Amino acid sequence: MITVPCTWFVGVKKRKNYLNLNTYRNAHFIALNRSKKDYKEEIKEELRKLGVFKKVKPVYKYYLPRKCDIGNVHSILEKYFLDAFVELGHIQDDDCTQVIGADYEFVEYDKKNPRCEIFIEELI
């Protein structure tokens, strides 16, 4: 299991926003590219705990600071996470032959430490 942030700086204003579909849709592509690179650097140490896999099914457990549309948060967090997972060499690609689905769920509110805990289930 690894723990990653579910809020992140996106856009030119230095303000924490959810990594969510609404922010992603409205942000400039340069700001998105920068935030994705910064996110990868932020989670790099957590990803070092993991090995190399052929086929996986990630399970995402969210501890959010407030009520939100979890599907919007999950879609972008999963994109950022899987892109970093591939770029750092833990899986060859994040296509449908190597990432065989995923599960996500809201666990509880945690205003002091909003996060996502990711469990990687290796498939044979």
C-alpha atoms as a PDB file:
ATOM      1  CA  MET A   1       0.000   0.000   0.000  1.00  0.00           C
ATOM      2  CA  ILE A   2       1.158   3.514  -0.759  1.00  0.00           C
ATOM      3  CA  THR A   3      -0.330   6.862   0.227  1.00  0.00           C
ATOM      4  CA  VAL A   4      -0.603   9.772  -2.201  1.00  0.00           C
ATOM      5  CA  PRO A   5      -2.141  13.249  -1.917  1.00  0.00           C
ATOM      6  CA  CYS A   6      -5.630  13.795  -3.325  1.00  0.00           C
ATOM      7  CA  THR A   7      -5.232  17.578  -3.472  1.00  0.00           C
ATOM      8  CA  TRP A   8      -2.577  19.277  -5.554  1.00  0.00           C
ATOM      9  CA  PHE A   9      -1.522  22.618  -7.008  1.00  0.00           C
ATOM     10  CA  VAL A  10      -3.095  23.037 -10.433  1.00  0.00           C
ATOM     11  CA  GLY A  11      -3.093  26.262 -12.401  1.00  0.00           C
ATOM     12  CA  VAL A  12      -1.173  29.490 -12.129  1.00  0.00           C
ATOM     13  CA  LYS A  13      -2.623  30.506  -8.766  1.00  0.00           C
ATOM     14  CA  LYS A  14      -0.723  28.816  -5.963  1.00  0.00           C
ATOM     15  CA  ARG A  15      -3.801  27.332  -4.415  1.00  0.00           C
ATOM     16  CA  LYS A  16      -4.524  23.712  -3.627  1.00  0.00           C
ATOM     17  CA  ASN A  17      -7.335  22.282  -5.699  1.00  0.00           C
ATOM     18  CA  TYR A  18      -8.669  18.796  -5.933  1.00  0.00           C
ATOM     19  CA  LEU A  19      -7.124  16.789  -8.671  1.00  0.00           C
ATOM     20  CA  ASN A  20     -10.470  16.509 -10.382  1.00  0.00           C
ATOM     21  CA  LEU A  21     -12.024  16.481 -13.800  1.00  0.00           C
ATOM     22  CA  ASN A  22     -13.438  20.023 -13.468  1.00  0.00           C
ATOM     23  CA  THR A  23     -10.030  21.547 -12.626  1.00  0.00           C
ATOM     24  CA  TYR A  24      -8.346  19.423 -15.294  1.00  0.00           C
ATOM     25  CA  ARG A  25     -10.855  20.478 -17.958  1.00  0.00           C
ATOM     26  CA  ASN A  26     -10.455  24.190 -17.187  1.00  0.00           C
ATOM     27  CA  ALA A  27      -6.691  24.438 -16.648  1.00  0.00           C
ATOM     28  CA  HIS A  28      -4.200  25.443 -19.329  1.00  0.00           C
ATOM     29  CA  PHE A  29      -2.212  22.538 -20.833  1.00  0.00           C
ATOM     30  CA  ILE A  30       1.090  24.010 -19.653  1.00  0.00           C
ATOM     31  CA  ALA A  31      -0.185  24.237 -16.067  1.00  0.00           C
ATOM     32  CA  LEU A  32      -1.472  20.656 -16.291  1.00  0.00           C
ATOM     33  CA  ASN A  33       1.835  19.363 -17.599  1.00  0.00           C
ATOM     34  CA  ARG A  34       3.720  21.142 -14.806  1.00  0.00           C
ATOM     35  CA  SER A  35       1.350  19.864 -12.115  1.00  0.00           C
ATOM     36  CA  LYS A  36       1.598  16.275 -13.411  1.00  0.00           C
ATOM     37  CA  LYS A  37       5.415  16.407 -13.344  1.00  0.00           C
ATOM     38  CA  ASP A  38       5.398  17.918  -9.848  1.00  0.00           C
ATOM     39  CA  TYR A  39       2.935  15.261  -8.657  1.00  0.00           C
ATOM     40  CA  LYS A  40       5.190  12.512  -9.991  1.00  0.00           C
ATOM     41  CA  GLU A  41       8.126  13.990  -8.078  1.00  0.00           C
ATOM     42  CA  GLU A  42       5.997  14.192  -4.929  1.00  0.00           C
ATOM     43  CA  ILE A  43       4.971  10.513  -5.024  1.00  0.00           C
ATOM     44  CA  LYS A  44       8.286   9.128  -6.341  1.00  0.00           C
ATOM     45  CA  GLU A  45       9.500   8.020  -2.888  1.00  0.00           C
ATOM     46  CA  GLU A  46       6.205   6.247  -2.161  1.00  0.00           C
ATOM     47  CA  LEU A  47       6.396   4.472  -5.522  1.00  0.00           C
ATOM     48  CA  ARG A  48       9.892   3.191  -4.699  1.00  0.00           C
ATOM     49  CA  LYS A  49       8.216   0.894  -2.156  1.00  0.00           C
ATOM     50  CA  LEU A  50       6.629  -1.015  -5.036  1.00  0.00           C
ATOM     51  CA  GLY A  51       8.156  -3.563  -7.363  1.00  0.00           C
ATOM     52  CA  VAL A  52       7.782  -4.136 -11.080  1.00  0.00           C
ATOM     53  CA  PHE A  53       4.540  -5.705 -12.312  1.00  0.00           C
ATOM     54  CA  LYS A  54       3.136  -7.280 -15.474  1.00  0.00           C
ATOM     55  CA  LYS A  55      -0.616  -7.032 -14.756  1.00  0.00           C
ATOM     56  CA  VAL A  56      -2.270  -5.112 -11.945  1.00  0.00           C
ATOM     57  CA  LYS A  57      -5.620  -4.068 -10.560  1.00  0.00           C
ATOM     58  CA  PRO A  58      -5.226  -1.000  -8.312  1.00  0.00           C
ATOM     59  CA  VAL A  59      -7.631  -0.325  -5.451  1.00  0.00           C
ATOM     60  CA  TYR A  60      -7.962   3.339  -4.422  1.00  0.00           C
ATOM     61  CA  LYS A  61      -9.291   4.281  -0.966  1.00  0.00           C
ATOM     62  CA  TYR A  62     -10.087   7.969  -0.478  1.00  0.00           C
ATOM     63  CA  TYR A  63      -9.982   9.995   2.725  1.00  0.00           C
ATOM     64  CA  LEU A  64     -11.345  13.350   1.577  1.00  0.00           C
ATOM     65  CA  PRO A  65     -11.586  16.642   3.474  1.00  0.00           C
ATOM     66  CA  ARG A  66     -15.174  17.317   2.399  1.00  0.00           C
ATOM     67  CA  LYS A  67     -18.080  16.112   0.319  1.00  0.00           C
ATOM     68  CA  CYS A  68     -17.342  15.911  -3.415  1.00  0.00           C
ATOM     69  CA  ASP A  69     -17.995  13.937  -6.591  1.00  0.00           C
ATOM     70  CA  ILE A  70     -15.496  11.136  -6.037  1.00  0.00           C
ATOM     71  CA  GLY A  71     -15.630  10.024  -9.694  1.00  0.00           C
ATOM     72  CA  ASN A  72     -14.258  13.416 -10.762  1.00  0.00           C
ATOM     73  CA  VAL A  73     -11.434  13.189  -8.223  1.00  0.00           C
ATOM     74  CA  HIS A  74     -10.657   9.571  -9.032  1.00  0.00           C
ATOM     75  CA  SER A  75     -10.439  10.025 -12.810  1.00  0.00           C
ATOM     76  CA  ILE A  76      -7.594  12.525 -12.641  1.00  0.00           C
ATOM     77  CA  LEU A  77      -5.780  11.087  -9.622  1.00  0.00           C
ATOM     78  CA  GLU A  78      -5.738   7.701 -11.353  1.00  0.00           C
ATOM     79  CA  LYS A  79      -4.376   9.303 -14.540  1.00  0.00           C
ATOM     80  CA  TYR A  80      -1.577  11.114 -12.693  1.00  0.00           C
ATOM     81  CA  PHE A  81      -0.764   8.010 -10.626  1.00  0.00           C
ATOM     82  CA  LEU A  82      -0.693   5.548 -13.541  1.00  0.00           C
ATOM     83  CA  ASP A  83       1.366   7.886 -15.716  1.00  0.00           C
ATOM     84  CA  ALA A  84       3.945   8.166 -12.901  1.00  0.00           C
ATOM     85  CA  PHE A  85       3.732   4.386 -12.344  1.00  0.00           C
ATOM     86  CA  VAL A  86       4.700   3.818 -15.994  1.00  0.00           C
ATOM     87  CA  GLU A  87       7.314   6.597 -16.216  1.00  0.00           C
ATOM     88  CA  LEU A  88       9.100   5.306 -13.101  1.00  0.00           C
ATOM     89  CA  GLY A  89       9.268   1.778 -14.516  1.00  0.00           C
ATOM     90  CA  HIS A  90       6.817  -0.147 -12.324  1.00  0.00           C
ATOM     91  CA  ILE A  91       4.756  -1.324 -15.283  1.00  0.00           C
ATOM     92  CA  GLN A  92       5.462  -1.248 -19.003  1.00  0.00           C
ATOM     93  CA  ASP A  93       2.256   0.569 -20.005  1.00  0.00           C
ATOM     94  CA  ASP A  94      -1.055   1.551 -18.451  1.00  0.00           C
ATOM     95  CA  ASP A  95      -3.150   0.077 -21.263  1.00  0.00           C
ATOM     96  CA  CYS A  96      -6.006  -2.395 -20.752  1.00  0.00           C
ATOM     97  CA  THR A  97      -3.750  -5.459 -21.108  1.00  0.00           C
ATOM     98  CA  GLN A  98      -1.651  -4.482 -18.087  1.00  0.00           C
ATOM     99  CA  VAL A  99      -4.035  -2.469 -15.892  1.00  0.00           C
ATOM    100  CA  ILE A 100      -7.007  -4.798 -15.686  1.00  0.00           C
ATOM    101  CA  GLY A 101      -9.603  -2.482 -14.195  1.00  0.00           C
ATOM    102  CA  ALA A 102      -9.559  -0.689 -10.859  1.00  0.00           C
ATOM    103  CA  ASP A 103     -11.739  -0.201  -7.802  1.00  0.00           C
ATOM    104  CA  TYR A 104     -12.201   2.968  -5.799  1.00  0.00           C
ATOM    105  CA  GLU A 105     -14.145   3.885  -2.707  1.00  0.00           C
ATOM    106  CA  PHE A 106     -14.692   6.698  -0.262  1.00  0.00           C
ATOM    107  CA  VAL A 107     -13.619   5.612   3.244  1.00  0.00           C
ATOM    108  CA  GLU A 108     -14.169   8.654   5.465  1.00  0.00           C
ATOM    109  CA  TYR A 109     -13.686  12.388   5.841  1.00  0.00           C
ATOM    110  CA  ASP A 110     -10.252  13.508   7.018  1.00  0.00           C
ATOM    111  CA  LYS A 111      -9.816  17.287   6.959  1.00  0.00           C
ATOM    112  CA  LYS A 112      -6.371  17.160   8.553  1.00  0.00           C
ATOM    113  CA  ASN A 113      -4.850  14.564   6.232  1.00  0.00           C
ATOM    114  CA  PRO A 114      -6.751  14.174   2.942  1.00  0.00           C
ATOM    115  CA  ARG A 115      -5.201  11.358   0.948  1.00  0.00           C
ATOM    116  CA  CYS A 116      -5.650   8.323  -1.231  1.00  0.00           C
ATOM    117  CA  GLU A 117      -4.313   4.937  -0.184  1.00  0.00           C
ATOM    118  CA  ILE A 118      -3.528   2.746  -3.188  1.00  0.00           C
ATOM    119  CA  PHE A 119      -3.279  -1.017  -2.993  1.00  0.00           C
ATOM    120  CA  ILE A 120      -1.751  -2.768  -6.001  1.00  0.00           C
ATOM    121  CA  GLU A 121      -3.162  -6.218  -6.631  1.00  0.00           C
ATOM    122  CA  GLU A 122      -0.863  -8.170  -8.927  1.00  0.00           C
ATOM    123  CA  LEU A 123      -2.663 -10.450 -11.379  1.00  0.00           C
ATOM    124  CA  ILE A 124      -1.270 -13.566 -12.984  1.00  0.00           C
END
